[in-house]
Structures are given as C-alpha cells and as structure tokens.
Amino acid sequence: MMLIQPKDRNAGASGKAAPQDMIFDVNTAEFEALVLQASMKTPILVDFWAPWCGPCKQLGPVLEAAVNAAGGKVRLAKVNIDSNPELAQALRVQSVPTVFAFFQGQPVTGFTGARPQNEIKTLIDQLIKIAQQAQPGALDIPAIMTQAAQALADNDVRTAQNLYMAVLAQDENNAPAYVGLIRTLISAGALEQAREMIETAPPSIMTASVFESARTALDLAENLPDTDTQALQKAVEKNPADHQARFDLALGLFGAGRNAEAIDALVEIIKRNRTWEEDKARQQLLKFFEALGPAHPDTVTGRRKLSSVLFS
C-alpha cells in the first residue's frame, strides 16, 4: 500500500488528511478532529516546527522514517507554528522543534529539540505498547501497574509515566496510578509539578488511603538534607556504633536515589539497637517504604529484611 505523505513540509495543512494518512499537516481548525479525536484509537505524534528552524529539518526526516516503519500503528501530524501561532500558544510550545504524543485525546509525553533515531524508535515502541494494552478488554491494569513500578525502580521515568497515564486514560479515578504518576515527577526532580498534582487531585483520589503516600514522598524529597555521604560513610566505618551518623547517611543515600543502601543503613541501626532514640530508625524506615510505595522492589526487599531483624 502506498503511504500518503505531504508533498511540501512548508506548504501548511491542507485540511484533507484522510484517516489512513500516516503523515499529514494540520492547522488550528483541524486539530481537534485530526489529532484529539483521531488519537482515541491510534497514537499521534504532533511535530511543532518552523521553516526557519535548523533542528526541525534534522528531526523531521527521523520522525517520518520512524512513523513509516511503524506501519500505521502511530501517525505523525505536523504543525507549522508560523501559520498556527494560536495553537502553539495553547499548548505552551516555547521552542521548536517540540513534539507531543497524543493518545485517547490526551498528551501522554513529549520532548523538545532534535533527538536521535534510537530515542524516537523507543518512544514509538512505547506508544504502540500502550495502544495495544488499551484495546477493549486487553488492558491488564494490575500487570501494567507492576510494570510501571518496576520501570520507576529502574529509574526509567518516561516509561513509568507512559504506563501510569495509560491506566488513567482508562480509569481516571485510579488512585494508585495517580500516585504513581506523582512519584515519577518526584523522581525526575519536578517537585513543583508534583505539588500541583497533589493539591489539584480529584476528591475521589484525594480521599483514597494510598494518596497519603504521595504527600509523604514529596515531603521527604523537599526536606531531605544535603549531606556529605562520603564523610558520613567514613564516620560509620570508623565507629559502627555511631547511629546518628548512620541515620544521617541513610537520609543522604535516599536523597541521592540509592534507596536500597539507605534502607540497609536503617535496618542495621535497628539490628544494633532497636529502641535507639525512641524507635527513630524504624519510623524513618516506614516513611521510606511509604514514599517508595508498597510495590517498589526496594520496599518489598526492605520489609523482608526488617521482619528478619524484628522477629529473629
């Protein structure tokens, strides 16, 4: 089957894109029908570009080649910001090239600037996977939540975000997925965005018991001290009974994303002195577990280690 592509990237949207077009121009008036509504079934990448933009000329062919290779499972819409400034403004496009991925009428991810071919292919593969999982009767939410938790544990924030958003696209009141999305923002250092999601959460999510873990995670991220972990590690090695140094080391490690090491440090304090400073280490450990979430592999392993110490 012949692929239908625009003959001239600088020509602007024709308004005659057919449903089978893989690559097409779109303007402001057509955006709702050709992108938002059309993305209910098929993911659509939207490439905001300009004729004077050098990086746009580099990225455009890479996007087109990747979309063609996907064989219709993902489509590409092109928006010339010079011809459609109001659309760029509505979507807060501040520079070009900017690419958004839409699925089921919502933006699920995006990026700015030129990207290499392998990153574009990875993004498209993720979109195809999300679309397949979102087919009626095919979305296995528990499995997706497990995959998302593992991706977040592996610091693959983008994949985790895409998976959580796929769940929310089908079930907007899924509190664990909403909290998971907040965790991805915290992991990415986007604390203001995480705070905004917490403060604007729907009532049905805000009243869920799991929602408090999002507050705990953000509070920890905002208040963890900036410590010299190397110096604290030396202090602990010099004096293994210096529980305060080990406690401070745990906080520093957790703040650096070294969750397993932070958990081990607190478990070691509990092993040496269970009641140190009125159970301070165990209480902090429980905060770590709550911040990471019950499905996080480090939480699962950490709870097992804690139980081994407490019930030995």
Protein backbone atom coordinates (compact mmCIF):
# COMPACT_ATOMS: atom_id res chain seq x y z
CA MET A 1 0.00 0.00 0.00
CA MET A 2 1.33 3.43 -0.92
CA LEU A 3 1.99 5.73 2.01
CA ILE A 4 0.36 9.16 1.73
CA GLN A 5 2.75 11.91 2.73
CA PRO A 6 2.66 15.70 2.34
CA LYS A 7 4.48 16.84 -0.76
CA ASP A 8 5.79 20.05 0.81
CA ARG A 9 6.62 20.43 4.50
CA ASN A 10 6.38 24.22 4.14
CA ALA A 11 3.00 24.19 2.47
CA GLY A 12 0.92 24.13 5.67
CA ALA A 13 -2.08 21.92 6.45
CA SER A 14 -4.27 21.06 3.53
CA GLY A 15 -7.34 20.20 5.58
CA LYS A 16 -7.76 17.00 3.51
CA ALA A 17 -5.90 14.45 5.60
CA ALA A 18 -7.54 11.08 5.21
CA PRO A 19 -7.98 8.63 8.08
CA GLN A 20 -5.31 6.32 6.60
CA ASP A 21 -2.67 9.06 6.26
CA MET A 22 0.36 8.26 8.38
CA ILE A 23 1.96 11.67 7.97
CA PHE A 24 -0.04 14.85 7.41
CA ASP A 25 -0.12 18.60 8.04
CA VAL A 26 -2.69 20.00 10.44
CA ASN A 27 -3.84 23.51 11.34
CA THR A 28 -5.63 25.01 14.32
CA ALA A 29 -9.13 24.45 12.97
CA GLU A 30 -8.45 20.79 12.20
CA PHE A 31 -6.55 19.94 15.37
CA GLU A 32 -9.49 18.66 17.42
CA ALA A 33 -10.76 16.33 14.70
CA LEU A 34 -7.48 15.17 13.16
CA VAL A 35 -5.47 14.84 16.37
CA LEU A 36 -7.58 14.78 19.54
CA GLN A 37 -10.45 12.69 18.20
CA ALA A 38 -8.28 10.60 15.88
CA SER A 39 -5.92 9.73 18.74
CA MET A 40 -8.70 7.90 20.59
CA LYS A 41 -7.64 4.74 18.74
CA THR A 42 -4.21 5.45 17.28
CA PRO A 43 -1.35 7.38 18.97
CA ILE A 44 -0.43 10.55 17.11
CA LEU A 45 2.86 12.41 17.32
CA VAL A 46 2.49 16.16 16.79
CA ASP A 47 5.60 17.87 15.45
CA PHE A 48 5.64 21.65 16.01
CA TRP A 49 8.15 23.11 13.56
CA ALA A 50 9.02 26.26 11.63
CA PRO A 51 10.56 26.81 8.18
CA TRP A 52 13.47 28.80 9.66
CA CYS A 53 14.33 26.14 12.27
CA GLY A 54 17.51 24.17 11.55
CA PRO A 55 16.97 21.39 14.13
CA CYS A 56 13.44 20.94 12.75
CA LYS A 57 14.93 19.97 9.40
CA GLN A 58 17.06 17.36 11.17
CA LEU A 59 14.25 15.93 13.29
CA GLY A 60 11.53 15.86 10.62
CA PRO A 61 13.01 13.07 8.45
CA VAL A 62 13.82 11.00 11.55
CA LEU A 63 10.21 11.23 12.75
CA GLU A 64 8.84 10.43 9.31
CA ALA A 65 11.08 7.39 8.86
CA ALA A 66 10.14 6.01 12.29
CA VAL A 67 6.42 6.54 11.72
CA ASN A 68 6.61 4.90 8.29
CA ALA A 69 8.45 1.95 9.84
CA ALA A 70 5.64 1.56 12.41
CA GLY A 71 3.26 0.73 9.54
CA GLY A 72 0.29 2.80 10.64
CA LYS A 73 0.38 1.96 14.36
CA VAL A 74 1.44 5.56 15.07
CA ARG A 75 0.70 8.65 12.96
CA LEU A 76 2.51 11.98 12.61
CA ALA A 77 0.82 15.39 12.43
CA LYS A 78 2.90 18.46 11.52
CA VAL A 79 2.10 21.95 12.79
CA ASN A 80 3.84 24.98 11.29
CA ILE A 81 3.92 27.42 14.22
CA ASP A 82 4.32 30.42 11.90
CA SER A 83 0.98 29.58 10.32
CA ASN A 84 -0.68 28.43 13.56
CA PRO A 85 0.69 30.58 16.42
CA GLU A 86 -2.51 30.31 18.46
CA LEU A 87 -2.26 26.50 18.54
CA ALA A 88 1.37 26.65 19.62
CA GLN A 89 0.43 29.13 22.34
CA ALA A 90 -2.48 26.98 23.57
CA LEU A 91 -0.14 24.02 24.02
CA ARG A 92 2.59 26.20 25.53
CA VAL A 93 5.14 25.48 22.84
CA GLN A 94 8.08 27.72 23.73
CA SER A 95 10.65 26.48 21.22
CA VAL A 96 10.88 24.32 18.12
CA PRO A 97 11.09 21.56 17.38
CA THR A 98 8.66 20.40 20.06
CA VAL A 99 6.92 17.03 19.80
CA PHE A 100 3.89 15.86 21.77
CA ALA A 101 2.48 12.34 21.74
CA PHE A 102 -1.33 12.18 21.98
CA PHE A 103 -3.35 9.10 22.80
CA GLN A 104 -7.05 8.89 23.63
CA GLY A 105 -7.32 12.65 23.28
CA GLN A 106 -4.64 13.46 25.86
CA PRO A 107 -0.90 14.28 25.67
CA VAL A 108 0.99 11.37 27.21
CA THR A 109 4.59 12.52 26.71
CA GLY A 110 6.72 14.92 24.71
CA PHE A 111 10.13 16.43 24.15
CA THR A 112 11.89 19.46 22.69
CA GLY A 113 14.89 19.65 20.39
CA ALA A 114 16.26 17.15 17.89
CA ARG A 115 16.57 13.56 19.10
CA PRO A 116 18.49 10.60 17.64
CA GLN A 117 16.77 7.82 15.76
CA ASN A 118 17.05 5.27 18.57
CA GLU A 119 15.21 7.54 21.04
CA ILE A 120 12.42 8.17 18.54
CA LYS A 121 12.05 4.44 17.92
CA THR A 122 11.90 3.75 21.67
CA LEU A 123 9.19 6.38 22.08
CA ILE A 124 7.14 4.93 19.23
CA ASP A 125 7.52 1.39 20.59
CA GLN A 126 6.21 2.61 23.96
CA LEU A 127 3.22 4.29 22.31
CA ILE A 128 2.39 1.16 20.35
CA LYS A 129 2.56 -0.92 23.52
CA ILE A 130 0.26 1.48 25.38
CA ALA A 131 -2.23 1.47 22.49
CA GLN A 132 -2.25 -2.32 22.37
CA GLN A 133 -2.84 -2.56 26.10
CA ALA A 134 -5.68 -0.02 25.90
CA GLN A 135 -7.75 -2.03 23.45
CA PRO A 136 -11.17 -3.01 24.87
CA GLY A 137 -10.77 -5.99 27.16
CA ALA A 138 -6.98 -6.05 26.71
CA LEU A 139 -5.84 -3.59 29.36
CA ASP A 140 -4.48 -5.60 32.28
CA ILE A 141 -4.26 -2.83 34.86
CA PRO A 142 -2.56 -4.89 37.61
CA ALA A 143 0.10 -6.04 35.16
CA ILE A 144 0.66 -2.52 33.87
CA MET A 145 0.94 -1.18 37.42
CA THR A 146 3.58 -3.82 38.17
CA GLN A 147 5.48 -2.87 35.01
CA ALA A 148 5.25 0.81 35.89
CA ALA A 149 6.56 0.22 39.41
CA GLN A 150 9.50 -1.76 38.02
CA ALA A 151 10.24 0.95 35.44
CA LEU A 152 10.24 3.56 38.19
CA ALA A 153 12.52 1.38 40.31
CA ASP A 154 14.88 1.16 37.32
CA ASN A 155 14.75 4.96 37.03
CA ASP A 156 13.06 4.66 33.63
CA VAL A 157 10.81 7.61 34.42
CA ARG A 158 9.46 8.10 30.90
CA THR A 159 8.24 4.51 30.59
CA ALA A 160 6.69 4.64 34.05
CA GLN A 161 4.88 7.88 33.19
CA ASN A 162 3.51 6.42 29.95
CA LEU A 163 2.24 3.31 31.72
CA TYR A 164 0.58 5.21 34.57
CA MET A 165 -1.05 7.58 32.09
CA ALA A 166 -2.36 4.63 30.07
CA VAL A 167 -4.09 3.36 33.20
CA LEU A 168 -5.50 6.80 33.98
CA ALA A 169 -6.74 7.14 30.40
CA GLN A 170 -8.98 4.13 31.02
CA ASP A 171 -9.70 4.75 34.70
CA GLU A 172 -9.28 8.40 35.67
CA ASN A 173 -10.10 7.63 39.30
CA ASN A 174 -7.34 5.05 39.73
CA ALA A 175 -5.63 6.44 42.83
CA PRO A 176 -2.54 4.14 42.74
CA ALA A 177 -1.83 5.19 39.13
CA TYR A 178 -2.31 8.86 40.02
CA VAL A 179 0.07 8.49 42.95
CA GLY A 180 2.49 6.59 40.73
CA LEU A 181 2.48 9.50 38.28
CA ILE A 182 3.32 11.85 41.15
CA ARG A 183 6.20 9.59 42.11
CA THR A 184 7.62 9.84 38.58
CA LEU A 185 7.62 13.63 38.86
CA ILE A 186 9.40 13.44 42.20
CA SER A 187 11.98 11.06 40.73
CA ALA A 188 12.53 13.50 37.88
CA GLY A 189 13.03 16.37 40.33
CA ALA A 190 9.84 18.12 39.18
CA LEU A 191 8.73 18.83 42.73
CA GLU A 192 6.54 21.84 41.87
CA GLN A 193 4.58 19.78 39.36
CA ALA A 194 4.23 17.00 41.92
CA ARG A 195 2.93 19.50 44.47
CA GLU A 196 0.43 20.84 41.92
CA MET A 197 -0.86 17.32 41.20
CA ILE A 198 -1.30 16.71 44.92
CA GLU A 199 -3.13 19.98 45.51
CA THR A 200 -5.43 19.59 42.49
CA ALA A 201 -6.19 15.89 42.84
CA PRO A 202 -9.85 14.90 42.31
CA PRO A 203 -11.76 14.27 45.56
CA SER A 204 -12.14 10.57 44.73
CA ILE A 205 -8.35 10.24 44.62
CA MET A 206 -7.54 12.63 47.44
CA THR A 207 -9.64 10.59 49.88
CA ALA A 208 -8.00 7.29 48.93
CA SER A 209 -5.73 5.83 51.60
CA VAL A 210 -2.85 5.44 49.14
CA PHE A 211 -2.86 9.19 48.45
CA GLU A 212 -1.10 9.96 51.73
CA SER A 213 1.95 8.13 50.44
CA ALA A 214 2.28 10.78 47.72
CA ARG A 215 2.39 13.51 50.37
CA THR A 216 4.99 11.55 52.31
CA ALA A 217 7.14 11.06 49.21
CA LEU A 218 7.02 14.76 48.36
CA ASP A 219 7.67 15.86 51.95
CA LEU A 220 10.73 13.60 52.06
CA ALA A 221 12.01 14.91 48.74
CA GLU A 222 11.56 18.52 49.81
CA ASN A 223 13.13 18.12 53.24
CA LEU A 224 15.94 15.60 52.83
CA PRO A 225 19.22 17.18 53.95
CA ASP A 226 22.08 17.83 51.57
CA THR A 227 24.69 15.66 53.28
CA ASP A 228 28.23 14.55 52.53
CA THR A 229 27.61 10.82 52.19
CA GLN A 230 31.30 10.02 51.77
CA ALA A 231 32.20 11.70 55.06
CA LEU A 232 29.32 10.00 56.85
CA GLN A 233 30.32 6.63 55.40
CA LYS A 234 33.82 7.10 56.80
CA ALA A 235 32.39 8.08 60.19
CA VAL A 236 30.30 4.91 60.27
CA GLU A 237 33.25 2.76 59.25
CA LYS A 238 35.35 4.35 61.98
CA ASN A 239 32.65 3.89 64.61
CA PRO A 240 29.90 1.39 63.68
CA ALA A 241 28.04 2.32 66.89
CA ASP A 242 27.59 5.93 65.73
CA HIS A 243 23.90 5.52 64.98
CA GLN A 244 23.29 9.21 64.29
CA ALA A 245 25.95 9.21 61.57
CA ARG A 246 24.42 6.07 60.08
CA PHE A 247 20.95 7.63 60.28
CA ASP A 248 22.16 10.79 58.52
CA LEU A 249 23.90 8.60 55.96
CA ALA A 250 20.60 6.82 55.27
CA LEU A 251 18.86 10.15 54.62
CA GLY A 252 21.64 11.24 52.28
CA LEU A 253 21.58 7.98 50.38
CA PHE A 254 17.81 8.10 49.98
CA GLY A 255 18.03 11.66 48.71
CA ALA A 256 20.58 10.51 46.13
CA GLY A 257 18.25 7.78 44.90
CA ARG A 258 20.29 4.99 46.49
CA ASN A 259 17.19 3.50 48.12
CA ALA A 260 18.44 0.01 48.86
CA GLU A 261 21.58 1.29 50.60
CA ALA A 262 19.52 3.78 52.63
CA ILE A 263 17.17 1.02 53.75
CA ASP A 264 20.07 -1.25 54.67
CA ALA A 265 21.58 1.53 56.80
CA LEU A 266 18.40 1.93 58.83
CA VAL A 267 17.93 -1.82 59.17
CA GLU A 268 21.49 -2.01 60.52
CA ILE A 269 20.64 0.57 63.20
CA ILE A 270 17.56 -1.44 64.20
CA LYS A 271 19.64 -4.60 64.29
CA ARG A 272 22.18 -2.96 66.61
CA ASN A 273 19.73 -1.02 68.79
CA ARG A 274 16.01 -1.46 68.16
CA THR A 275 14.92 1.28 70.54
CA TRP A 276 17.52 3.91 69.60
CA GLU A 277 16.04 7.36 70.15
CA GLU A 278 12.52 6.05 70.67
CA ASP A 279 12.40 3.81 67.61
CA LYS A 280 13.60 6.61 65.32
CA ALA A 281 15.23 4.36 62.72
CA ARG A 282 12.20 2.11 62.27
CA GLN A 283 9.85 5.09 61.96
CA GLN A 284 12.06 6.62 59.29
CA LEU A 285 12.27 3.29 57.51
CA LEU A 286 8.47 3.11 57.35
CA LYS A 287 8.46 6.58 55.79
CA PHE A 288 10.88 5.33 53.14
CA PHE A 289 8.57 2.39 52.41
CA GLU A 290 5.54 4.67 52.16
CA ALA A 291 7.38 7.13 49.92
CA LEU A 292 8.55 4.38 47.53
CA GLY A 293 5.21 2.61 47.50
CA PRO A 294 4.29 -0.96 48.54
CA ALA A 295 5.02 -2.45 45.09
CA HIS A 296 8.50 -0.99 44.77
CA PRO A 297 11.11 -3.80 44.76
CA ASP A 298 13.22 -1.98 47.37
CA THR A 299 10.19 -1.76 49.65
CA VAL A 300 9.46 -5.47 49.27
CA THR A 301 13.08 -6.42 49.97
CA GLY A 302 13.38 -3.88 52.77
CA ARG A 303 10.28 -5.15 54.57
CA ARG A 304 11.64 -8.67 54.37
CA LYS A 305 14.93 -7.55 55.93
CA LEU A 306 13.12 -5.58 58.64
CA SER A 307 10.96 -8.58 59.53
CA SER A 308 14.03 -10.79 59.69
CA VAL A 309 15.60 -8.42 62.23
CA LEU A 310 12.47 -7.85 64.33
CA PHE A 311 11.44 -11.48 64.55
CA SER A 312 14.84 -13.12 64.76
